[in-house]
Amino acid sequence: MFTKKEPDPKKTDTPQKNNQKYSKSQFAESRQLSRMEKDILAAVLLDQQTYTLQEAQEHIQQFMNGEAQ
């Protein structure tokens, strides 16, 4: 009556995408970031380096916390 559900292959790929790295110009073209976030990343990220989305969010938070103090 009940069968074991097979794991969804799309869901297993999700953790790998979190580790994907992007350049400064790719963040500038992102539709997931607001204009303000793009401006902050343009100011703080290095052109030659790549960053994960999590690293970029951390840079945004550090910038925002620094401005508040």
PDB file of N, CA and C in Angstrom:
ATOM      1  N   MET A   1       0.816  -1.183   0.000  1.00  0.00           N
ATOM      2  CA  MET A   1       0.000   0.000   0.000  1.00  0.00           C
ATOM      3  C   MET A   1       0.869   1.260   0.000  1.00  0.00           C
ATOM      4  N   PHE A   2       1.807   1.325   0.921  1.00  0.00           N
ATOM      5  CA  PHE A   2       2.703   2.473   0.957  1.00  0.00           C
ATOM      6  C   PHE A   2       4.050   2.061   0.374  1.00  0.00           C
ATOM      7  N   THR A   3       4.643   2.956  -0.372  1.00  0.00           N
ATOM      8  CA  THR A   3       5.958   2.668  -0.926  1.00  0.00           C
ATOM      9  C   THR A   3       6.956   3.698  -0.421  1.00  0.00           C
ATOM     10  N   LYS A   4       8.184   3.295  -0.371  1.00  0.00           N
ATOM     11  CA  LYS A   4       9.233   4.206   0.078  1.00  0.00           C
ATOM     12  C   LYS A   4       9.475   5.264  -0.995  1.00  0.00           C
ATOM     13  N   LYS A   5       9.477   6.495  -0.583  1.00  0.00           N
ATOM     14  CA  LYS A   5       9.671   7.597  -1.528  1.00  0.00           C
ATOM     15  C   LYS A   5      11.146   7.720  -1.877  1.00  0.00           C
ATOM     16  N   GLU A   6      11.422   7.802  -3.154  1.00  0.00           N
ATOM     17  CA  GLU A   6      12.786   7.977  -3.630  1.00  0.00           C
ATOM     18  C   GLU A   6      13.250   9.399  -3.342  1.00  0.00           C
ATOM     19  N   PRO A   7      14.511   9.594  -2.992  1.00  0.00           N
ATOM     20  CA  PRO A   7      15.007  10.962  -2.755  1.00  0.00           C
ATOM     21  C   PRO A   7      14.949  11.776  -4.040  1.00  0.00           C
ATOM     22  N   ASP A   8      14.598  13.018  -3.890  1.00  0.00           N
ATOM     23  CA  ASP A   8      14.496  13.922  -5.033  1.00  0.00           C
ATOM     24  C   ASP A   8      15.897  14.361  -5.439  1.00  0.00           C
ATOM     25  N   PRO A   9      16.328  14.078  -6.670  1.00  0.00           N
ATOM     26  CA  PRO A   9      17.690  14.454  -7.081  1.00  0.00           C
ATOM     27  C   PRO A   9      17.912  15.959  -7.070  1.00  0.00           C
ATOM     28  N   LYS A  10      16.886  16.744  -7.252  1.00  0.00           N
ATOM     29  CA  LYS A  10      17.031  18.203  -7.227  1.00  0.00           C
ATOM     30  C   LYS A  10      17.399  18.687  -5.833  1.00  0.00           C
ATOM     31  N   LYS A  11      16.872  18.057  -4.809  1.00  0.00           N
ATOM     32  CA  LYS A  11      17.149  18.479  -3.438  1.00  0.00           C
ATOM     33  C   LYS A  11      18.563  18.117  -3.006  1.00  0.00           C
ATOM     34  N   THR A  12      19.131  17.074  -3.555  1.00  0.00           N
ATOM     35  CA  THR A  12      20.489  16.683  -3.176  1.00  0.00           C
ATOM     36  C   THR A  12      21.523  17.621  -3.778  1.00  0.00           C
ATOM     37  N   ASP A  13      21.186  18.335  -4.874  1.00  0.00           N
ATOM     38  CA  ASP A  13      22.111  19.274  -5.494  1.00  0.00           C
ATOM     39  C   ASP A  13      22.176  20.608  -4.760  1.00  0.00           C
ATOM     40  N   THR A  14      21.197  20.912  -3.936  1.00  0.00           N
ATOM     41  CA  THR A  14      21.113  22.207  -3.281  1.00  0.00           C
ATOM     42  C   THR A  14      22.345  22.536  -2.428  1.00  0.00           C
ATOM     43  N   PRO A  15      22.851  21.626  -1.579  1.00  0.00           N
ATOM     44  CA  PRO A  15      24.033  21.993  -0.789  1.00  0.00           C
ATOM     45  C   PRO A  15      25.247  22.334  -1.651  1.00  0.00           C
ATOM     46  N   GLN A  16      25.386  21.706  -2.800  1.00  0.00           N
ATOM     47  CA  GLN A  16      26.520  22.003  -3.655  1.00  0.00           C
ATOM     48  C   GLN A  16      26.430  23.419  -4.210  1.00  0.00           C
ATOM     49  N   LYS A  17      25.242  23.899  -4.514  1.00  0.00           N
ATOM     50  CA  LYS A  17      25.085  25.239  -5.052  1.00  0.00           C
ATOM     51  C   LYS A  17      25.470  26.295  -4.018  1.00  0.00           C
ATOM     52  N   ASN A  18      25.311  25.986  -2.729  1.00  0.00           N
ATOM     53  CA  ASN A  18      25.673  26.933  -1.685  1.00  0.00           C
ATOM     54  C   ASN A  18      27.179  27.173  -1.642  1.00  0.00           C
ATOM     55  N   ASN A  19      27.960  26.220  -2.135  1.00  0.00           N
ATOM     56  CA  ASN A  19      29.408  26.349  -2.122  1.00  0.00           C
ATOM     57  C   ASN A  19      29.944  26.966  -3.406  1.00  0.00           C
ATOM     58  N   GLN A  20      29.069  27.271  -4.331  1.00  0.00           N
ATOM     59  CA  GLN A  20      29.495  27.836  -5.607  1.00  0.00           C
ATOM     60  C   GLN A  20      30.020  29.257  -5.386  1.00  0.00           C
ATOM     61  N   LYS A  21      31.093  29.589  -6.075  1.00  0.00           N
ATOM     62  CA  LYS A  21      31.708  30.901  -5.907  1.00  0.00           C
ATOM     63  C   LYS A  21      31.415  31.789  -7.105  1.00  0.00           C
ATOM     64  N   TYR A  22      31.277  33.092  -6.820  1.00  0.00           N
ATOM     65  CA  TYR A  22      30.930  34.068  -7.838  1.00  0.00           C
ATOM     66  C   TYR A  22      31.911  35.231  -7.792  1.00  0.00           C
ATOM     67  N   SER A  23      32.078  35.878  -8.928  1.00  0.00           N
ATOM     68  CA  SER A  23      32.950  37.044  -8.994  1.00  0.00           C
ATOM     69  C   SER A  23      32.170  38.303  -8.605  1.00  0.00           C
ATOM     70  N   LYS A  24      32.905  39.366  -8.418  1.00  0.00           N
ATOM     71  CA  LYS A  24      32.309  40.657  -8.072  1.00  0.00           C
ATOM     72  C   LYS A  24      31.304  41.097  -9.144  1.00  0.00           C
ATOM     73  N   SER A  25      31.646  40.893 -10.411  1.00  0.00           N
ATOM     74  CA  SER A  25      30.748  41.300 -11.497  1.00  0.00           C
ATOM     75  C   SER A  25      29.490  40.431 -11.552  1.00  0.00           C
ATOM     76  N   GLN A  26      29.590  39.171 -11.159  1.00  0.00           N
ATOM     77  CA  GLN A  26      28.411  38.312 -11.133  1.00  0.00           C
ATOM     78  C   GLN A  26      27.447  38.746 -10.041  1.00  0.00           C
ATOM     79  N   PHE A  27      27.965  39.181  -8.895  1.00  0.00           N
ATOM     80  CA  PHE A  27      27.092  39.703  -7.842  1.00  0.00           C
ATOM     81  C   PHE A  27      26.403  40.982  -8.312  1.00  0.00           C
ATOM     82  N   ALA A  28      27.106  41.799  -9.088  1.00  0.00           N
ATOM     83  CA  ALA A  28      26.527  43.052  -9.590  1.00  0.00           C
ATOM     84  C   ALA A  28      25.346  42.793 -10.518  1.00  0.00           C
ATOM     85  N   GLU A  29      25.340  41.656 -11.194  1.00  0.00           N
ATOM     86  CA  GLU A  29      24.262  41.314 -12.121  1.00  0.00           C
ATOM     87  C   GLU A  29      23.167  40.453 -11.487  1.00  0.00           C
ATOM     88  N   SER A  30      23.330  40.077 -10.237  1.00  0.00           N
ATOM     89  CA  SER A  30      22.400  39.184  -9.564  1.00  0.00           C
ATOM     90  C   SER A  30      21.022  39.817  -9.386  1.00  0.00           C
ATOM     91  N   ARG A  31      20.004  39.008  -9.557  1.00  0.00           N
ATOM     92  CA  ARG A  31      18.629  39.464  -9.326  1.00  0.00           C
ATOM     93  C   ARG A  31      18.185  39.180  -7.899  1.00  0.00           C
ATOM     94  N   GLN A  32      18.989  38.451  -7.152  1.00  0.00           N
ATOM     95  CA  GLN A  32      18.643  38.094  -5.782  1.00  0.00           C
ATOM     96  C   GLN A  32      19.058  39.165  -4.777  1.00  0.00           C
ATOM     97  N   LEU A  33      19.876  40.102  -5.195  1.00  0.00           N
ATOM     98  CA  LEU A  33      20.375  41.130  -4.300  1.00  0.00           C
ATOM     99  C   LEU A  33      19.698  42.463  -4.595  1.00  0.00           C
ATOM    100  N   SER A  34      19.524  43.247  -3.545  1.00  0.00           N
ATOM    101  CA  SER A  34      18.958  44.577  -3.725  1.00  0.00           C
ATOM    102  C   SER A  34      20.030  45.512  -4.294  1.00  0.00           C
ATOM    103  N   ARG A  35      19.620  46.662  -4.742  1.00  0.00           N
ATOM    104  CA  ARG A  35      20.567  47.636  -5.286  1.00  0.00           C
ATOM    105  C   ARG A  35      21.584  48.058  -4.225  1.00  0.00           C
ATOM    106  N   MET A  36      21.110  48.237  -3.001  1.00  0.00           N
ATOM    107  CA  MET A  36      22.007  48.636  -1.914  1.00  0.00           C
ATOM    108  C   MET A  36      23.043  47.536  -1.634  1.00  0.00           C
ATOM    109  N   GLU A  37      22.602  46.284  -1.622  1.00  0.00           N
ATOM    110  CA  GLU A  37      23.534  45.176  -1.384  1.00  0.00           C
ATOM    111  C   GLU A  37      24.576  45.099  -2.504  1.00  0.00           C
ATOM    112  N   LYS A  38      24.153  45.316  -3.734  1.00  0.00           N
ATOM    113  CA  LYS A  38      25.087  45.312  -4.859  1.00  0.00           C
ATOM    114  C   LYS A  38      26.107  46.436  -4.724  1.00  0.00           C
ATOM    115  N   ASP A  39      25.654  47.611  -4.294  1.00  0.00           N
ATOM    116  CA  ASP A  39      26.564  48.739  -4.108  1.00  0.00           C
ATOM    117  C   ASP A  39      27.592  48.451  -3.014  1.00  0.00           C
ATOM    118  N   ILE A  40      27.142  47.844  -1.926  1.00  0.00           N
ATOM    119  CA  ILE A  40      28.061  47.497  -0.832  1.00  0.00           C
ATOM    120  C   ILE A  40      29.104  46.494  -1.325  1.00  0.00           C
ATOM    121  N   LEU A  41      28.645  45.471  -2.035  1.00  0.00           N
ATOM    122  CA  LEU A  41      29.584  44.457  -2.532  1.00  0.00           C
ATOM    123  C   LEU A  41      30.558  45.049  -3.539  1.00  0.00           C
ATOM    124  N   ALA A  42      30.101  45.992  -4.338  1.00  0.00           N
ATOM    125  CA  ALA A  42      30.996  46.645  -5.297  1.00  0.00           C
ATOM    126  C   ALA A  42      32.110  47.391  -4.575  1.00  0.00           C
ATOM    127  N   ALA A  43      31.806  47.895  -3.389  1.00  0.00           N
ATOM    128  CA  ALA A  43      32.797  48.651  -2.627  1.00  0.00           C
ATOM    129  C   ALA A  43      33.755  47.757  -1.842  1.00  0.00           C
ATOM    130  N   VAL A  44      33.283  46.618  -1.359  1.00  0.00           N
ATOM    131  CA  VAL A  44      34.109  45.834  -0.433  1.00  0.00           C
ATOM    132  C   VAL A  44      34.762  44.600  -1.044  1.00  0.00           C
ATOM    133  N   LEU A  45      34.240  44.072  -2.137  1.00  0.00           N
ATOM    134  CA  LEU A  45      34.822  42.860  -2.722  1.00  0.00           C
ATOM    135  C   LEU A  45      35.985  43.198  -3.646  1.00  0.00           C
ATOM    136  N   LEU A  46      36.922  42.272  -3.768  1.00  0.00           N
ATOM    137  CA  LEU A  46      38.070  42.428  -4.647  1.00  0.00           C
ATOM    138  C   LEU A  46      37.737  41.879  -6.030  1.00  0.00           C
ATOM    139  N   ASP A  47      38.240  42.527  -7.073  1.00  0.00           N
ATOM    140  CA  ASP A  47      37.952  42.122  -8.449  1.00  0.00           C
ATOM    141  C   ASP A  47      38.494  40.736  -8.789  1.00  0.00           C
ATOM    142  N   GLN A  48      39.666  40.392  -8.287  1.00  0.00           N
ATOM    143  CA  GLN A  48      40.344  39.149  -8.665  1.00  0.00           C
ATOM    144  C   GLN A  48      39.843  37.932  -7.895  1.00  0.00           C
ATOM    145  N   GLN A  49      39.029  38.116  -6.893  1.00  0.00           N
ATOM    146  CA  GLN A  49      38.653  37.035  -6.001  1.00  0.00           C
ATOM    147  C   GLN A  49      37.208  36.592  -6.261  1.00  0.00           C
ATOM    148  N   THR A  50      36.904  35.341  -5.870  1.00  0.00           N
ATOM    149  CA  THR A  50      35.539  34.840  -5.947  1.00  0.00           C
ATOM    150  C   THR A  50      35.023  34.564  -4.540  1.00  0.00           C
ATOM    151  N   TYR A  51      33.705  34.628  -4.381  1.00  0.00           N
ATOM    152  CA  TYR A  51      33.079  34.516  -3.066  1.00  0.00           C
ATOM    153  C   TYR A  51      31.825  33.657  -3.158  1.00  0.00           C
ATOM    154  N   THR A  52      31.522  32.945  -2.080  1.00  0.00           N
ATOM    155  CA  THR A  52      30.245  32.241  -2.009  1.00  0.00           C
ATOM    156  C   THR A  52      29.177  33.256  -1.631  1.00  0.00           C
ATOM    157  N   LEU A  53      27.926  32.877  -1.803  1.00  0.00           N
ATOM    158  CA  LEU A  53      26.832  33.771  -1.433  1.00  0.00           C
ATOM    159  C   LEU A  53      26.869  34.070   0.064  1.00  0.00           C
ATOM    160  N   GLN A  54      27.210  33.071   0.862  1.00  0.00           N
ATOM    161  CA  GLN A  54      27.303  33.265   2.309  1.00  0.00           C
ATOM    162  C   GLN A  54      28.417  34.259   2.658  1.00  0.00           C
ATOM    163  N   GLU A  55      29.557  34.151   2.001  1.00  0.00           N
ATOM    164  CA  GLU A  55      30.657  35.088   2.252  1.00  0.00           C
ATOM    165  C   GLU A  55      30.245  36.510   1.872  1.00  0.00           C
ATOM    166  N   ALA A  56      29.526  36.647   0.769  1.00  0.00           N
ATOM    167  CA  ALA A  56      29.073  37.968   0.344  1.00  0.00           C
ATOM    168  C   ALA A  56      28.102  38.554   1.370  1.00  0.00           C
ATOM    169  N   GLN A  57      27.193  37.729   1.878  1.00  0.00           N
ATOM    170  CA  GLN A  57      26.248  38.195   2.902  1.00  0.00           C
ATOM    171  C   GLN A  57      26.988  38.623   4.168  1.00  0.00           C
ATOM    172  N   GLU A  58      28.052  37.903   4.518  1.00  0.00           N
ATOM    173  CA  GLU A  58      28.854  38.267   5.692  1.00  0.00           C
ATOM    174  C   GLU A  58      29.535  39.625   5.478  1.00  0.00           C
ATOM    175  N   HIS A  59      30.031  39.875   4.281  1.00  0.00           N
ATOM    176  CA  HIS A  59      30.651  41.170   3.970  1.00  0.00           C
ATOM    177  C   HIS A  59      29.625  42.296   4.073  1.00  0.00           C
ATOM    178  N   ILE A  60      28.417  42.041   3.614  1.00  0.00           N
ATOM    179  CA  ILE A  60      27.351  43.044   3.712  1.00  0.00           C
ATOM    180  C   ILE A  60      27.050  43.345   5.173  1.00  0.00           C
ATOM    181  N   GLN A  61      26.922  42.289   6.000  1.00  0.00           N
ATOM    182  CA  GLN A  61      26.628  42.474   7.419  1.00  0.00           C
ATOM    183  C   GLN A  61      27.754  43.225   8.133  1.00  0.00           C
ATOM    184  N   GLN A  62      28.995  42.890   7.822  1.00  0.00           N
ATOM    185  CA  GLN A  62      30.125  43.588   8.443  1.00  0.00           C
ATOM    186  C   GLN A  62      30.119  45.061   8.071  1.00  0.00           C
ATOM    187  N   PHE A  63      29.815  45.357   6.831  1.00  0.00           N
ATOM    188  CA  PHE A  63      29.753  46.749   6.381  1.00  0.00           C
ATOM    189  C   PHE A  63      28.638  47.490   7.106  1.00  0.00           C
ATOM    190  N   MET A  64      27.470  46.871   7.188  1.00  0.00           N
ATOM    191  CA  MET A  64      26.328  47.502   7.849  1.00  0.00           C
ATOM    192  C   MET A  64      26.593  47.726   9.327  1.00  0.00           C
ATOM    193  N   ASN A  65      27.218  46.759   9.983  1.00  0.00           N
ATOM    194  CA  ASN A  65      27.536  46.892  11.411  1.00  0.00           C
ATOM    195  C   ASN A  65      28.597  47.971  11.631  1.00  0.00           C
ATOM    196  N   GLY A  66      29.532  48.081  10.730  1.00  0.00           N
ATOM    197  CA  GLY A  66      30.559  49.104  10.841  1.00  0.00           C
ATOM    198  C   GLY A  66      29.993  50.508  10.681  1.00  0.00           C
ATOM    199  N   GLU A  67      29.009  50.658   9.795  1.00  0.00           N
ATOM    200  CA  GLU A  67      28.383  51.952   9.565  1.00  0.00           C
ATOM    201  C   GLU A  67      27.537  52.366  10.760  1.00  0.00           C
ATOM    202  N   ALA A  68      26.957  51.401  11.471  1.00  0.00           N
ATOM    203  CA  ALA A  68      26.069  51.701  12.596  1.00  0.00           C
ATOM    204  C   ALA A  68      26.860  52.205  13.793  1.00  0.00           C
ATOM    205  N   GLN A  69      28.122  51.831  13.928  1.00  0.00           N
ATOM    206  CA  GLN A  69      28.914  52.203  15.089  1.00  0.00           C
ATOM    207  C   GLN A  69      29.458  53.537  14.959  1.00  0.00           C
TER     208      GLN A  69
END
